[in-house]
């Protein structure tokens, strides 16, 4: 029995594996394929936005070499917003 049987169209499904070590991160982006996440050890933090957030995240257009990635540093923006809210209290 095959692990990835052919679809009715005769094409095999698209399969990619991403592995990382402690402390790694990726910039905000969107994926064009479905995802399945497995955590073997440690902790992982996800920030998830609805598709309507693409404009606010300033996502590079599909024809750009950095397609589907945000042009802003989301973690830095979140840290600045948190610091500002702490100052307001």
PDB file of N, CA and C in Angstrom:
ATOM      1  N   UNK A   1       0.840  -1.180   0.000  1.00  0.00           N
ATOM      2  CA  UNK A   1       0.000   0.000   0.000  1.00  0.00           C
ATOM      3  C   UNK A   1       0.886   1.244   0.000  1.00  0.00           C
ATOM      4  N   UNK A   2       0.561   2.193  -0.836  1.00  0.00           N
ATOM      5  CA  UNK A   2       1.355   3.417  -0.952  1.00  0.00           C
ATOM      6  C   UNK A   2       1.026   4.401   0.164  1.00  0.00           C
ATOM      7  N   UNK A   3       2.042   5.109   0.616  1.00  0.00           N
ATOM      8  CA  UNK A   3       1.835   6.155   1.614  1.00  0.00           C
ATOM      9  C   UNK A   3       1.057   7.321   1.019  1.00  0.00           C
ATOM     10  N   UNK A   4       1.378   7.690  -0.210  1.00  0.00           N
ATOM     11  CA  UNK A   4       0.699   8.789  -0.894  1.00  0.00           C
ATOM     12  C   UNK A   4       0.085   8.277  -2.195  1.00  0.00           C
ATOM     13  N   UNK A   5      -1.100   7.697  -2.132  1.00  0.00           N
ATOM     14  CA  UNK A   5      -1.711   7.186  -3.360  1.00  0.00           C
ATOM     15  C   UNK A   5      -2.054   8.317  -4.316  1.00  0.00           C
ATOM     16  N   UNK A   6      -2.152   7.989  -5.587  1.00  0.00           N
ATOM     17  CA  UNK A   6      -2.499   8.986  -6.586  1.00  0.00           C
ATOM     18  C   UNK A   6      -3.948   9.438  -6.408  1.00  0.00           C
ATOM     19  N   UNK A   7      -4.159  10.715  -6.670  1.00  0.00           N
ATOM     20  CA  UNK A   7      -5.516  11.271  -6.647  1.00  0.00           C
ATOM     21  C   UNK A   7      -6.244  10.808  -7.898  1.00  0.00           C
ATOM     22  N   UNK A   8      -7.574  10.963  -7.942  1.00  0.00           N
ATOM     23  CA  UNK A   8      -8.320  10.569  -9.148  1.00  0.00           C
ATOM     24  C   UNK A   8      -7.776  11.219 -10.423  1.00  0.00           C
ATOM     25  N   UNK A   9      -7.170  12.385 -10.305  1.00  0.00           N
ATOM     26  CA  UNK A   9      -6.601  13.067 -11.470  1.00  0.00           C
ATOM     27  C   UNK A   9      -5.336  12.388 -11.971  1.00  0.00           C
ATOM     28  N   UNK A  10      -4.806  11.434 -11.188  1.00  0.00           N
ATOM     29  CA  UNK A  10      -3.559  10.775 -11.556  1.00  0.00           C
ATOM     30  C   UNK A  10      -2.331  11.455 -10.973  1.00  0.00           C
ATOM     31  N   UNK A  11      -2.514  12.578 -10.302  1.00  0.00           N
ATOM     32  CA  UNK A  11      -1.400  13.321  -9.709  1.00  0.00           C
ATOM     33  C   UNK A  11      -1.249  12.952  -8.245  1.00  0.00           C
ATOM     34  N   UNK A  12      -0.036  12.960  -7.784  1.00  0.00           N
ATOM     35  CA  UNK A  12       0.219  12.702  -6.365  1.00  0.00           C
ATOM     36  C   UNK A  12       0.020  14.004  -5.581  1.00  0.00           C
ATOM     37  N   UNK A  13      -0.390  13.897  -4.315  1.00  0.00           N
ATOM     38  CA  UNK A  13      -0.541  15.121  -3.507  1.00  0.00           C
ATOM     39  C   UNK A  13       0.806  15.798  -3.270  1.00  0.00           C
ATOM     40  N   UNK A  14       0.748  17.100  -3.024  1.00  0.00           N
ATOM     41  CA  UNK A  14       1.942  17.888  -2.732  1.00  0.00           C
ATOM     42  C   UNK A  14       2.298  17.659  -1.269  1.00  0.00           C
ATOM     43  N   UNK A  15       3.517  17.247  -0.989  1.00  0.00           N
ATOM     44  CA  UNK A  15       3.940  16.952   0.368  1.00  0.00           C
ATOM     45  C   UNK A  15       5.279  17.618   0.633  1.00  0.00           C
ATOM     46  N   UNK A  16       5.357  18.383   1.728  1.00  0.00           N
ATOM     47  CA  UNK A  16       6.603  19.004   2.152  1.00  0.00           C
ATOM     48  C   UNK A  16       6.778  18.767   3.636  1.00  0.00           C
ATOM     49  N   UNK A  17       8.007  18.681   4.078  1.00  0.00           N
ATOM     50  CA  UNK A  17       8.323  18.526   5.491  1.00  0.00           C
ATOM     51  C   UNK A  17       9.220  19.684   5.901  1.00  0.00           C
ATOM     52  N   UNK A  18       8.827  20.389   6.956  1.00  0.00           N
ATOM     53  CA  UNK A  18       9.638  21.468   7.513  1.00  0.00           C
ATOM     54  C   UNK A  18      10.044  21.046   8.913  1.00  0.00           C
ATOM     55  N   UNK A  19      11.323  21.089   9.197  1.00  0.00           N
ATOM     56  CA  UNK A  19      11.839  20.740  10.518  1.00  0.00           C
ATOM     57  C   UNK A  19      12.689  21.899  11.023  1.00  0.00           C
ATOM     58  N   UNK A  20      12.701  22.102  12.343  1.00  0.00           N
ATOM     59  CA  UNK A  20      13.485  23.202  12.902  1.00  0.00           C
ATOM     60  C   UNK A  20      14.018  22.823  14.273  1.00  0.00           C
ATOM     61  N   UNK A  21      14.901  23.657  14.771  1.00  0.00           N
ATOM     62  CA  UNK A  21      15.470  23.464  16.103  1.00  0.00           C
ATOM     63  C   UNK A  21      14.961  24.571  17.030  1.00  0.00           C
ATOM     64  N   UNK A  22      15.318  24.473  18.276  1.00  0.00           N
ATOM     65  CA  UNK A  22      14.884  25.443  19.279  1.00  0.00           C
ATOM     66  C   UNK A  22      15.269  26.861  18.870  1.00  0.00           C
ATOM     67  N   UNK A  23      14.356  27.792  19.101  1.00  0.00           N
ATOM     68  CA  UNK A  23      14.628  29.195  18.839  1.00  0.00           C
ATOM     69  C   UNK A  23      14.382  29.648  17.419  1.00  0.00           C
ATOM     70  N   UNK A  24      13.995  28.750  16.538  1.00  0.00           N
ATOM     71  CA  UNK A  24      13.774  29.148  15.147  1.00  0.00           C
ATOM     72  C   UNK A  24      12.392  29.784  14.989  1.00  0.00           C
ATOM     73  N   UNK A  25      12.264  30.622  13.979  1.00  0.00           N
ATOM     74  CA  UNK A  25      10.987  31.283  13.707  1.00  0.00           C
ATOM     75  C   UNK A  25      10.927  31.614  12.226  1.00  0.00           C
ATOM     76  N   UNK A  26       9.754  31.961  11.767  1.00  0.00           N
ATOM     77  CA  UNK A  26       9.581  32.407  10.397  1.00  0.00           C
ATOM     78  C   UNK A  26       8.713  33.654  10.419  1.00  0.00           C
ATOM     79  N   UNK A  27       8.904  34.499   9.435  1.00  0.00           N
ATOM     80  CA  UNK A  27       8.099  35.711   9.388  1.00  0.00           C
ATOM     81  C   UNK A  27       6.649  35.364   9.053  1.00  0.00           C
ATOM     82  N   UNK A  28       5.750  36.269   9.347  1.00  0.00           N
ATOM     83  CA  UNK A  28       4.337  36.050   9.053  1.00  0.00           C
ATOM     84  C   UNK A  28       4.169  35.801   7.557  1.00  0.00           C
ATOM     85  N   UNK A  29       3.365  34.812   7.211  1.00  0.00           N
ATOM     86  CA  UNK A  29       3.143  34.437   5.823  1.00  0.00           C
ATOM     87  C   UNK A  29       1.847  33.655   5.725  1.00  0.00           C
ATOM     88  N   UNK A  30       1.435  33.368   4.513  1.00  0.00           N
ATOM     89  CA  UNK A  30       0.317  32.440   4.350  1.00  0.00           C
ATOM     90  C   UNK A  30       0.749  31.316   3.431  1.00  0.00           C
ATOM     91  N   UNK A  31       0.149  30.161   3.641  1.00  0.00           N
ATOM     92  CA  UNK A  31       0.459  28.976   2.846  1.00  0.00           C
ATOM     93  C   UNK A  31      -0.651  28.716   1.855  1.00  0.00           C
ATOM     94  N   UNK A  32      -0.285  28.171   0.715  1.00  0.00           N
ATOM     95  CA  UNK A  32      -1.282  27.860  -0.309  1.00  0.00           C
ATOM     96  C   UNK A  32      -1.784  26.428  -0.184  1.00  0.00           C
ATOM     97  N   UNK A  33      -1.149  25.628   0.649  1.00  0.00           N
ATOM     98  CA  UNK A  33      -1.554  24.240   0.849  1.00  0.00           C
ATOM     99  C   UNK A  33      -2.028  24.053   2.288  1.00  0.00           C
ATOM    100  N   UNK A  34      -2.758  22.981   2.525  1.00  0.00           N
ATOM    101  CA  UNK A  34      -3.172  22.645   3.882  1.00  0.00           C
ATOM    102  C   UNK A  34      -1.940  22.289   4.709  1.00  0.00           C
ATOM    103  N   UNK A  35      -2.063  22.421   6.027  1.00  0.00           N
ATOM    104  CA  UNK A  35      -0.959  22.127   6.934  1.00  0.00           C
ATOM    105  C   UNK A  35      -1.390  21.122   7.986  1.00  0.00           C
ATOM    106  N   UNK A  36      -0.433  20.360   8.446  1.00  0.00           N
ATOM    107  CA  UNK A  36      -0.622  19.430   9.552  1.00  0.00           C
ATOM    108  C   UNK A  36       0.597  19.602  10.438  1.00  0.00           C
ATOM    109  N   UNK A  37       0.414  20.014  11.684  1.00  0.00           N
ATOM    110  CA  UNK A  37       1.531  20.330  12.567  1.00  0.00           C
ATOM    111  C   UNK A  37       1.740  19.202  13.573  1.00  0.00           C
ATOM    112  N   UNK A  38       2.991  18.789  13.754  1.00  0.00           N
ATOM    113  CA  UNK A  38       3.364  17.790  14.753  1.00  0.00           C
ATOM    114  C   UNK A  38       4.480  18.372  15.607  1.00  0.00           C
ATOM    115  N   UNK A  39       4.306  18.348  16.912  1.00  0.00           N
ATOM    116  CA  UNK A  39       5.315  18.836  17.851  1.00  0.00           C
ATOM    117  C   UNK A  39       5.874  17.631  18.600  1.00  0.00           C
ATOM    118  N   UNK A  40       7.162  17.365  18.464  1.00  0.00           N
ATOM    119  CA  UNK A  40       7.774  16.216  19.137  1.00  0.00           C
ATOM    120  C   UNK A  40       8.253  16.567  20.538  1.00  0.00           C
ATOM    121  N   UNK A  41       8.691  17.793  20.731  1.00  0.00           N
ATOM    122  CA  UNK A  41       9.235  18.189  22.026  1.00  0.00           C
ATOM    123  C   UNK A  41       9.202  19.707  22.119  1.00  0.00           C
ATOM    124  N   UNK A  42       9.139  20.229  23.304  1.00  0.00           N
ATOM    125  CA  UNK A  42       9.207  21.671  23.503  1.00  0.00           C
ATOM    126  C   UNK A  42       7.876  22.364  23.289  1.00  0.00           C
ATOM    127  N   UNK A  43       7.959  23.644  22.960  1.00  0.00           N
ATOM    128  CA  UNK A  43       6.762  24.471  22.799  1.00  0.00           C
ATOM    129  C   UNK A  43       6.839  25.243  21.494  1.00  0.00           C
ATOM    130  N   UNK A  44       5.685  25.573  20.961  1.00  0.00           N
ATOM    131  CA  UNK A  44       5.594  26.345  19.719  1.00  0.00           C
ATOM    132  C   UNK A  44       4.489  27.369  19.906  1.00  0.00           C
ATOM    133  N   UNK A  45       4.733  28.566  19.430  1.00  0.00           N
ATOM    134  CA  UNK A  45       3.770  29.663  19.538  1.00  0.00           C
ATOM    135  C   UNK A  45       3.349  30.050  18.120  1.00  0.00           C
ATOM    136  N   UNK A  46       2.053  30.033  17.849  1.00  0.00           N
ATOM    137  CA  UNK A  46       1.526  30.429  16.545  1.00  0.00           C
ATOM    138  C   UNK A  46       0.749  31.736  16.672  1.00  0.00           C
ATOM    139  N   UNK A  47       0.902  32.614  15.729  1.00  0.00           N
ATOM    140  CA  UNK A  47       0.054  33.793  15.588  1.00  0.00           C
ATOM    141  C   UNK A  47      -0.728  33.573  14.302  1.00  0.00           C
ATOM    142  N   UNK A  48      -2.054  33.599  14.383  1.00  0.00           N
ATOM    143  CA  UNK A  48      -2.895  33.283  13.229  1.00  0.00           C
ATOM    144  C   UNK A  48      -3.859  34.433  12.979  1.00  0.00           C
ATOM    145  N   UNK A  49      -3.950  34.864  11.718  1.00  0.00           N
ATOM    146  CA  UNK A  49      -4.849  35.933  11.310  1.00  0.00           C
ATOM    147  C   UNK A  49      -5.809  35.438  10.245  1.00  0.00           C
ATOM    148  N   UNK A  50      -6.966  36.075  10.129  1.00  0.00           N
ATOM    149  CA  UNK A  50      -7.880  35.722   9.035  1.00  0.00           C
ATOM    150  C   UNK A  50      -7.347  36.271   7.711  1.00  0.00           C
ATOM    151  N   UNK A  51      -7.795  35.717   6.582  1.00  0.00           N
ATOM    152  CA  UNK A  51      -7.342  36.209   5.277  1.00  0.00           C
ATOM    153  C   UNK A  51      -7.550  37.713   5.089  1.00  0.00           C
ATOM    154  N   UNK A  52      -8.535  38.273   5.752  1.00  0.00           N
ATOM    155  CA  UNK A  52      -8.803  39.707   5.621  1.00  0.00           C
ATOM    156  C   UNK A  52      -7.666  40.569   6.175  1.00  0.00           C
ATOM    157  N   UNK A  53      -6.715  39.995   6.884  1.00  0.00           N
ATOM    158  CA  UNK A  53      -5.591  40.737   7.454  1.00  0.00           C
ATOM    159  C   UNK A  53      -4.441  40.947   6.478  1.00  0.00           C
ATOM    160  N   UNK A  54      -4.525  40.388   5.283  1.00  0.00           N
ATOM    161  CA  UNK A  54      -3.418  40.467   4.327  1.00  0.00           C
ATOM    162  C   UNK A  54      -2.996  41.905   4.051  1.00  0.00           C
ATOM    163  N   UNK A  55      -3.955  42.804   3.914  1.00  0.00           N
ATOM    164  CA  UNK A  55      -3.608  44.204   3.627  1.00  0.00           C
ATOM    165  C   UNK A  55      -2.858  44.839   4.800  1.00  0.00           C
ATOM    166  N   UNK A  56      -3.326  44.603   6.020  1.00  0.00           N
ATOM    167  CA  UNK A  56      -2.671  45.177   7.200  1.00  0.00           C
ATOM    168  C   UNK A  56      -1.269  44.602   7.398  1.00  0.00           C
ATOM    169  N   UNK A  57      -1.067  43.332   7.022  1.00  0.00           N
ATOM    170  CA  UNK A  57       0.244  42.702   7.142  1.00  0.00           C
ATOM    171  C   UNK A  57       1.170  43.072   5.986  1.00  0.00           C
ATOM    172  N   UNK A  58       0.595  43.774   4.993  1.00  0.00           N
ATOM    173  CA  UNK A  58       1.358  44.199   3.813  1.00  0.00           C
ATOM    174  C   UNK A  58       2.052  43.006   3.161  1.00  0.00           C
ATOM    175  N   UNK A  59       1.267  41.992   2.819  1.00  0.00           N
ATOM    176  CA  UNK A  59       1.784  40.773   2.213  1.00  0.00           C
ATOM    177  C   UNK A  59       2.295  41.069   0.807  1.00  0.00           C
ATOM    178  N   UNK A  60       3.502  40.567   0.496  1.00  0.00           N
ATOM    179  CA  UNK A  60       4.048  40.718  -0.852  1.00  0.00           C
ATOM    180  C   UNK A  60       3.121  40.033  -1.853  1.00  0.00           C
ATOM    181  N   UNK A  61       2.956  40.595  -3.053  1.00  0.00           N
ATOM    182  CA  UNK A  61       2.081  39.986  -4.060  1.00  0.00           C
ATOM    183  C   UNK A  61       2.659  38.670  -4.607  1.00  0.00           C
ATOM    184  N   UNK A  62       1.798  37.873  -5.223  1.00  0.00           N
ATOM    185  CA  UNK A  62       2.201  36.555  -5.733  1.00  0.00           C
ATOM    186  C   UNK A  62       3.353  36.608  -6.720  1.00  0.00           C
ATOM    187  N   UNK A  63       3.471  37.659  -7.525  1.00  0.00           N
ATOM    188  CA  UNK A  63       4.535  37.753  -8.534  1.00  0.00           C
ATOM    189  C   UNK A  63       5.883  38.177  -7.941  1.00  0.00           C
ATOM    190  N   UNK A  64       5.924  38.546  -6.687  1.00  0.00           N
ATOM    191  CA  UNK A  64       7.149  39.010  -6.026  1.00  0.00           C
ATOM    192  C   UNK A  64       7.988  37.815  -5.563  1.00  0.00           C
ATOM    193  N   UNK A  65       9.331  37.930  -5.543  1.00  0.00           N
ATOM    194  CA  UNK A  65      10.174  36.829  -5.048  1.00  0.00           C
ATOM    195  C   UNK A  65       9.870  36.430  -3.601  1.00  0.00           C
ATOM    196  N   UNK A  66       9.331  37.344  -2.806  1.00  0.00           N
ATOM    197  CA  UNK A  66       8.975  37.027  -1.412  1.00  0.00           C
ATOM    198  C   UNK A  66       7.464  36.859  -1.260  1.00  0.00           C
ATOM    199  N   UNK A  67       6.836  36.329  -2.278  1.00  0.00           N
ATOM    200  CA  UNK A  67       5.380  36.166  -2.316  1.00  0.00           C
ATOM    201  C   UNK A  67       4.851  35.482  -1.056  1.00  0.00           C
ATOM    202  N   UNK A  68       3.687  35.961  -0.604  1.00  0.00           N
ATOM    203  CA  UNK A  68       2.937  35.401   0.519  1.00  0.00           C
ATOM    204  C   UNK A  68       3.552  35.700   1.885  1.00  0.00           C
ATOM    205  N   UNK A  69       4.610  36.505   1.941  1.00  0.00           N
ATOM    206  CA  UNK A  69       5.230  36.858   3.224  1.00  0.00           C
ATOM    207  C   UNK A  69       4.896  38.300   3.575  1.00  0.00           C
ATOM    208  N   UNK A  70       4.759  38.568   4.885  1.00  0.00           N
ATOM    209  CA  UNK A  70       4.450  39.916   5.353  1.00  0.00           C
ATOM    210  C   UNK A  70       5.659  40.826   5.187  1.00  0.00           C
ATOM    211  N   UNK A  71       5.386  42.090   4.874  1.00  0.00           N
ATOM    212  CA  UNK A  71       6.456  43.081   4.752  1.00  0.00           C
ATOM    213  C   UNK A  71       6.773  43.737   6.091  1.00  0.00           C
ATOM    214  N   UNK A  72       5.975  43.466   7.103  1.00  0.00           N
ATOM    215  CA  UNK A  72       6.226  44.055   8.425  1.00  0.00           C
ATOM    216  C   UNK A  72       6.762  42.980   9.363  1.00  0.00           C
ATOM    217  N   UNK A  73       7.493  43.400  10.377  1.00  0.00           N
ATOM    218  CA  UNK A  73       7.979  42.480  11.401  1.00  0.00           C
ATOM    219  C   UNK A  73       6.916  42.396  12.485  1.00  0.00           C
ATOM    220  N   UNK A  74       6.099  41.366  12.411  1.00  0.00           N
ATOM    221  CA  UNK A  74       4.941  41.234  13.291  1.00  0.00           C
ATOM    222  C   UNK A  74       5.341  41.151  14.754  1.00  0.00           C
ATOM    223  N   UNK A  75       6.364  40.372  15.074  1.00  0.00           N
ATOM    224  CA  UNK A  75       6.780  40.229  16.477  1.00  0.00           C
ATOM    225  C   UNK A  75       7.194  41.577  17.062  1.00  0.00           C
ATOM    226  N   UNK A  76       7.923  42.379  16.293  1.00  0.00           N
ATOM    227  CA  UNK A  76       8.345  43.696  16.769  1.00  0.00           C
ATOM    228  C   UNK A  76       7.137  44.605  16.965  1.00  0.00           C
ATOM    229  N   UNK A  77       6.177  44.545  16.046  1.00  0.00           N
ATOM    230  CA  UNK A  77       4.970  45.364  16.166  1.00  0.00           C
ATOM    231  C   UNK A  77       4.156  44.956  17.392  1.00  0.00           C
ATOM    232  N   UNK A  78       4.053  43.653  17.641  1.00  0.00           N
ATOM    233  CA  UNK A  78       3.316  43.183  18.824  1.00  0.00           C
ATOM    234  C   UNK A  78       4.018  43.601  20.117  1.00  0.00           C
ATOM    235  N   UNK A  79       5.342  43.517  20.149  1.00  0.00           N
ATOM    236  CA  UNK A  79       6.095  43.921  21.330  1.00  0.00           C
ATOM    237  C   UNK A  79       5.919  45.413  21.594  1.00  0.00           C
ATOM    238  N   UNK A  80       5.951  46.228  20.533  1.00  0.00           N
ATOM    239  CA  UNK A  80       5.758  47.672  20.685  1.00  0.00           C
ATOM    240  C   UNK A  80       4.356  47.984  21.188  1.00  0.00           C
ATOM    241  N   UNK A  81       3.359  47.274  20.651  1.00  0.00           N
ATOM    242  CA  UNK A  81       1.972  47.494  21.088  1.00  0.00           C
ATOM    243  C   UNK A  81       1.798  47.096  22.550  1.00  0.00           C
ATOM    244  N   UNK A  82       2.427  45.994  22.957  1.00  0.00           N
ATOM    245  CA  UNK A  82       2.340  45.555  24.352  1.00  0.00           C
ATOM    246  C   UNK A  82       3.010  46.560  25.272  1.00  0.00           C
ATOM    247  N   UNK A  83       4.163  47.081  24.865  1.00  0.00           N
ATOM    248  CA  UNK A  83       4.870  48.072  25.676  1.00  0.00           C
ATOM    249  C   UNK A  83       4.040  49.341  25.800  1.00  0.00           C
ATOM    250  N   UNK A  84       3.381  49.746  24.728  1.00  0.00           N
ATOM    251  CA  UNK A  84       2.550  50.950  24.755  1.00  0.00           C
ATOM    252  C   UNK A  84       1.369  50.740  25.698  1.00  0.00           C
ATOM    253  N   UNK A  85       0.735  49.565  25.654  1.00  0.00           N
ATOM    254  CA  UNK A  85      -0.423  49.315  26.534  1.00  0.00           C
ATOM    255  C   UNK A  85       0.026  49.255  27.991  1.00  0.00           C
ATOM    256  N   UNK A  86       1.260  48.758  28.260  1.00  0.00           N
ATOM    257  CA  UNK A  86       1.787  48.752  29.624  1.00  0.00           C
ATOM    258  C   UNK A  86       2.012  50.171  30.135  1.00  0.00           C
ATOM    259  N   UNK A  87       2.466  51.079  29.242  1.00  0.00           N
ATOM    260  CA  UNK A  87       2.714  52.464  29.604  1.00  0.00           C
ATOM    261  C   UNK A  87       1.406  53.205  29.915  1.00  0.00           C
ATOM    262  N   UNK A  88       0.310  52.762  29.284  1.00  0.00           N
ATOM    263  CA  UNK A  88      -0.971  53.443  29.449  1.00  0.00           C
ATOM    264  C   UNK A  88      -1.669  53.053  30.739  1.00  0.00           C
ATOM    265  N   UNK A  89      -1.241  51.977  31.393  1.00  0.00           N
ATOM    266  CA  UNK A  89      -1.899  51.490  32.612  1.00  0.00           C
ATOM    267  C   UNK A  89      -1.469  52.279  33.806  1.00  0.00           C
TER     268      UNK A  89
END
